[in-house]
Protein backbone atom coordinates (compact mmCIF):
# COMPACT_ATOMS: atom_id res chain seq x y z
CA MET A 1 0.00 0.00 0.00
CA GLU A 2 3.04 2.21 0.40
CA ASN A 3 3.34 2.74 -3.39
CA TYR A 4 -0.26 3.89 -3.60
CA LYS A 5 0.33 6.24 -0.68
CA LYS A 6 3.24 7.78 -2.59
CA TYR A 7 0.98 8.11 -5.64
CA LEU A 8 -1.67 9.92 -3.57
CA ILE A 9 0.88 12.36 -2.20
CA LYS A 10 2.80 13.00 -5.43
CA THR A 11 0.11 12.78 -8.13
CA ILE A 12 -3.08 13.70 -6.30
CA GLY A 13 -1.49 16.21 -3.93
CA MET A 14 -2.70 14.74 -0.64
CA LYS A 15 -1.00 15.48 2.64
CA GLU A 16 0.63 12.45 4.23
CA THR A 17 -1.74 12.50 7.22
CA ASP A 18 -4.78 12.61 4.88
CA ALA A 19 -3.33 9.76 2.79
CA ASP A 20 -2.84 7.66 5.94
CA LEU A 21 -6.41 8.35 7.07
CA PHE A 22 -7.80 7.62 3.61
CA LEU A 23 -5.93 4.33 3.30
CA SER A 24 -7.01 3.21 6.78
CA GLY A 25 -10.58 2.93 5.48
CA PHE A 26 -9.74 0.25 2.91
CA ASP A 27 -9.87 -3.53 3.11
CA ILE A 28 -7.36 -5.58 1.14
CA THR A 29 -8.85 -8.09 -1.29
CA GLU A 30 -7.17 -10.55 -3.62
CA TYR A 31 -8.45 -12.01 -6.89
CA LYS A 32 -7.12 -14.95 -8.87
CA LYS A 33 -6.34 -14.70 -12.57
CA GLY A 34 -9.63 -14.94 -14.46
CA ASP A 35 -11.86 -13.92 -11.53
CA LEU A 36 -14.68 -11.52 -12.27
CA ILE A 37 -14.04 -8.55 -10.02
CA ILE A 38 -17.35 -7.01 -11.01
CA LYS A 39 -20.14 -8.48 -13.14
CA GLU A 40 -22.65 -6.67 -15.28
CA GLY A 41 -25.70 -6.12 -13.08
CA ASP A 42 -23.75 -5.88 -9.80
CA LYS A 43 -24.41 -2.78 -7.73
CA CYS A 44 -21.55 -0.30 -8.11
CA ASP A 45 -20.95 0.57 -4.48
CA ILE A 46 -17.28 -0.31 -4.00
CA LEU A 47 -14.29 1.94 -4.70
CA ARG A 48 -11.56 -0.47 -5.80
CA ILE A 49 -7.89 0.34 -6.49
CA ILE A 50 -5.36 -2.15 -7.82
CA LEU A 51 -2.15 -2.34 -5.80
CA LYS A 52 -0.65 -5.19 -7.83
CA GLY A 53 -1.77 -6.95 -10.98
CA SER A 54 -3.93 -6.17 -13.97
CA ALA A 55 -7.53 -6.40 -15.10
CA ARG A 56 -9.69 -5.53 -18.06
CA GLY A 57 -13.14 -4.05 -18.40
CA PHE A 58 -15.45 -5.41 -21.05
CA VAL A 59 -19.03 -5.47 -22.22
CA ILE A 60 -20.81 -8.21 -24.12
CA VAL A 61 -22.47 -7.10 -27.36
CA ASP A 62 -24.30 -9.70 -29.45
CA GLY A 63 -22.44 -12.45 -27.58
CA LYS A 64 -19.02 -10.90 -28.28
CA GLU A 65 -16.71 -9.46 -25.60
CA ILE A 66 -15.64 -5.88 -26.34
CA THR A 67 -12.74 -4.63 -24.20
CA THR A 68 -13.42 -1.14 -22.85
CA ASN A 69 -10.49 -0.56 -20.52
CA PHE A 70 -7.41 -1.95 -18.83
CA TYR A 71 -6.48 -1.46 -15.20
CA PHE A 72 -3.03 -1.66 -13.63
CA GLU A 73 -1.31 -0.59 -10.42
CA ASN A 74 -2.87 2.54 -8.82
CA ASP A 75 -5.87 2.44 -11.18
CA HIS A 76 -9.38 2.84 -9.87
CA THR A 77 -11.08 -0.33 -11.02
CA TYR A 78 -14.85 -0.08 -11.20
CA ASP A 79 -17.67 1.06 -13.47
CA TYR A 80 -16.96 4.72 -12.77
CA ILE A 81 -20.14 6.30 -14.15
CA ASN A 82 -22.47 3.83 -12.44
CA TYR A 83 -20.48 4.12 -9.21
CA LEU A 84 -21.15 7.87 -9.22
CA LYS A 85 -24.84 7.27 -10.02
CA GLN A 86 -25.04 4.35 -7.55
CA GLU A 87 -26.58 2.12 -10.19
CA LYS A 88 -25.91 -1.39 -11.43
CA SER A 89 -22.80 -2.03 -13.46
CA GLU A 90 -23.12 -2.10 -17.22
CA MET A 91 -19.75 -3.79 -17.62
CA ASN A 92 -17.61 -6.66 -16.37
CA ILE A 93 -14.13 -6.39 -14.92
CA GLN A 94 -11.94 -9.50 -14.99
CA SER A 95 -8.48 -10.03 -13.54
CA LEU A 96 -5.83 -10.72 -16.18
CA SER A 97 -3.33 -11.77 -13.52
CA PRO A 98 -3.53 -12.28 -9.77
CA VAL A 99 -4.76 -8.95 -8.37
CA LYS A 100 -4.23 -7.42 -4.96
CA ALA A 101 -6.62 -4.52 -4.46
CA ILE A 102 -7.92 -2.23 -1.77
CA GLU A 103 -11.66 -1.66 -1.47
CA MET A 104 -13.89 0.85 0.31
CA SER A 105 -17.67 1.16 0.33
CA PHE A 106 -19.41 4.11 -1.31
CA GLU A 107 -20.84 5.08 2.07
CA ALA A 108 -17.41 5.16 3.72
CA MET A 109 -15.98 7.24 0.86
CA ASP A 110 -18.97 9.59 1.02
CA PHE A 111 -18.40 10.02 4.76
CA LEU A 112 -14.73 10.87 4.22
CA ASN A 113 -15.65 13.39 1.52
CA SER A 114 -18.21 15.14 3.69
CA GLU A 115 -16.49 15.04 7.07
CA ILE A 116 -12.74 15.26 6.57
CA ILE A 117 -10.94 18.34 5.30
CA GLY A 118 -8.82 17.56 2.26
CA PHE A 119 -10.83 14.61 1.02
CA HIS A 120 -13.19 16.64 -1.13
CA LYS A 121 -10.20 18.14 -2.96
CA MET A 122 -8.67 14.67 -3.37
CA SER A 123 -11.94 13.28 -4.76
CA PHE A 124 -12.21 16.20 -7.14
CA ASN A 125 -8.64 15.64 -8.37
CA LEU A 126 -9.34 11.94 -8.91
CA PHE A 127 -12.56 12.85 -10.71
CA LYS A 128 -10.64 15.22 -13.01
CA ILE A 129 -8.03 12.55 -13.80
CA ASN A 130 -10.75 10.02 -14.65
CA ILE A 131 -12.83 12.43 -16.75
CA ILE A 132 -9.76 13.55 -18.72
CA LYS A 133 -8.82 9.91 -19.38
CA ILE A 134 -12.36 8.98 -20.45
CA GLU A 135 -12.68 12.01 -22.73
CA ARG A 136 -9.29 11.36 -24.38
CA GLU A 137 -10.25 7.74 -25.05
CA ARG A 138 -13.62 8.81 -26.48
CA GLN A 139 -12.02 11.38 -28.77
CA ASN A 140 -9.36 8.92 -29.90
CA LEU A 141 -12.00 6.38 -30.92
CA ILE A 142 -13.80 9.02 -32.97
CA ILE A 143 -10.90 10.93 -34.49
CA LYS A 144 -7.91 8.60 -34.83
CA THR A 145 -7.35 5.66 -37.12
CA PRO A 146 -6.77 2.21 -35.62
CA ARG A 147 -3.09 2.50 -36.58
CA ASP A 148 -2.80 5.84 -34.74
CA ARG A 149 -4.61 4.42 -31.68
CA TYR A 150 -2.14 1.53 -31.61
CA LEU A 151 0.83 3.89 -31.99
CA ASP A 152 -0.57 5.93 -29.06
CA LEU A 153 -0.60 2.77 -26.95
CA LEU A 154 3.00 2.04 -27.92
CA LYS A 155 4.01 5.56 -26.93
CA ASN A 156 1.83 6.23 -23.87
CA ASN A 157 0.66 2.86 -22.49
CA LYS A 158 3.46 0.37 -22.97
CA GLN A 159 2.17 -1.75 -20.10
CA ILE A 160 -0.96 -2.53 -22.13
CA ILE A 161 1.23 -3.78 -24.98
CA SER A 162 3.49 -5.80 -22.67
CA ARG A 163 0.91 -7.19 -20.22
CA VAL A 164 -2.24 -7.78 -22.26
CA PRO A 165 -2.97 -10.44 -24.91
CA GLN A 166 -2.99 -8.95 -28.41
CA TYR A 167 -6.59 -10.01 -29.16
CA GLN A 168 -7.72 -7.90 -26.18
CA VAL A 169 -5.59 -4.96 -27.36
CA ALA A 170 -7.30 -5.28 -30.76
CA SER A 171 -10.74 -5.25 -29.13
CA TYR A 172 -9.78 -2.22 -27.05
CA ILE A 173 -8.80 -0.16 -30.11
CA GLY A 174 -11.88 -1.36 -32.01
CA ILE A 175 -10.42 -3.74 -34.59
CA SER A 176 -10.03 -7.45 -35.24
CA PRO A 177 -6.92 -9.34 -34.13
CA GLU A 178 -6.06 -9.87 -37.80
CA HIS A 179 -6.22 -6.13 -38.48
CA LEU A 180 -3.94 -5.48 -35.50
CA SER A 181 -1.50 -8.08 -36.83
CA ARG A 182 -1.37 -6.24 -40.18
CA ILE A 183 -0.80 -2.90 -38.41
CA ARG A 184 2.01 -4.41 -36.33
CA LYS A 185 3.66 -5.83 -39.47
CA GLU A 186 3.40 -2.45 -41.23
CA ILE A 187 5.00 -0.69 -38.26
CA ALA A 188 7.76 -3.30 -37.97
CA SER A 189 8.61 -3.08 -41.68
CA GLY A 190 8.94 0.68 -41.45
């Protein structure tokens, strides 16, 4: 949990005492590779952060899994929109490797936000980070070609390329595994 504490202090701008208080409200949970961390239809009432491991978010459309996101160390791992709305999840999240995570209930997080100075600012900063990430991904899907989306992953998200099966990378950027293979060959040949 020490690495996540450093992340909170450095990236989010929390004071060390606030980070310690915040982290004291979490329970540690572990998932095996392949476990469903959240299933479509589950209530989104748990704030979950990966300390170690990786997971992927996906939806099922016409019987086909479509990868919507990947989660790694320090990532908030839940159906963000439905967590905020306190509704049922519209997606699944599955561990790609053994995952060690910390979890806190919505009610506990809401209490911290309303009662403890510094937590509202921290929540707002986390909200900004998530909204910026979501908006960038949305724009990339609309504006960029599959080749450009893949090149962005190579440049900005190397852990996706190194830790995720290629067929899931293809799904994430909205193409078939065969199309991704062609793109990779084009890039490799210059």
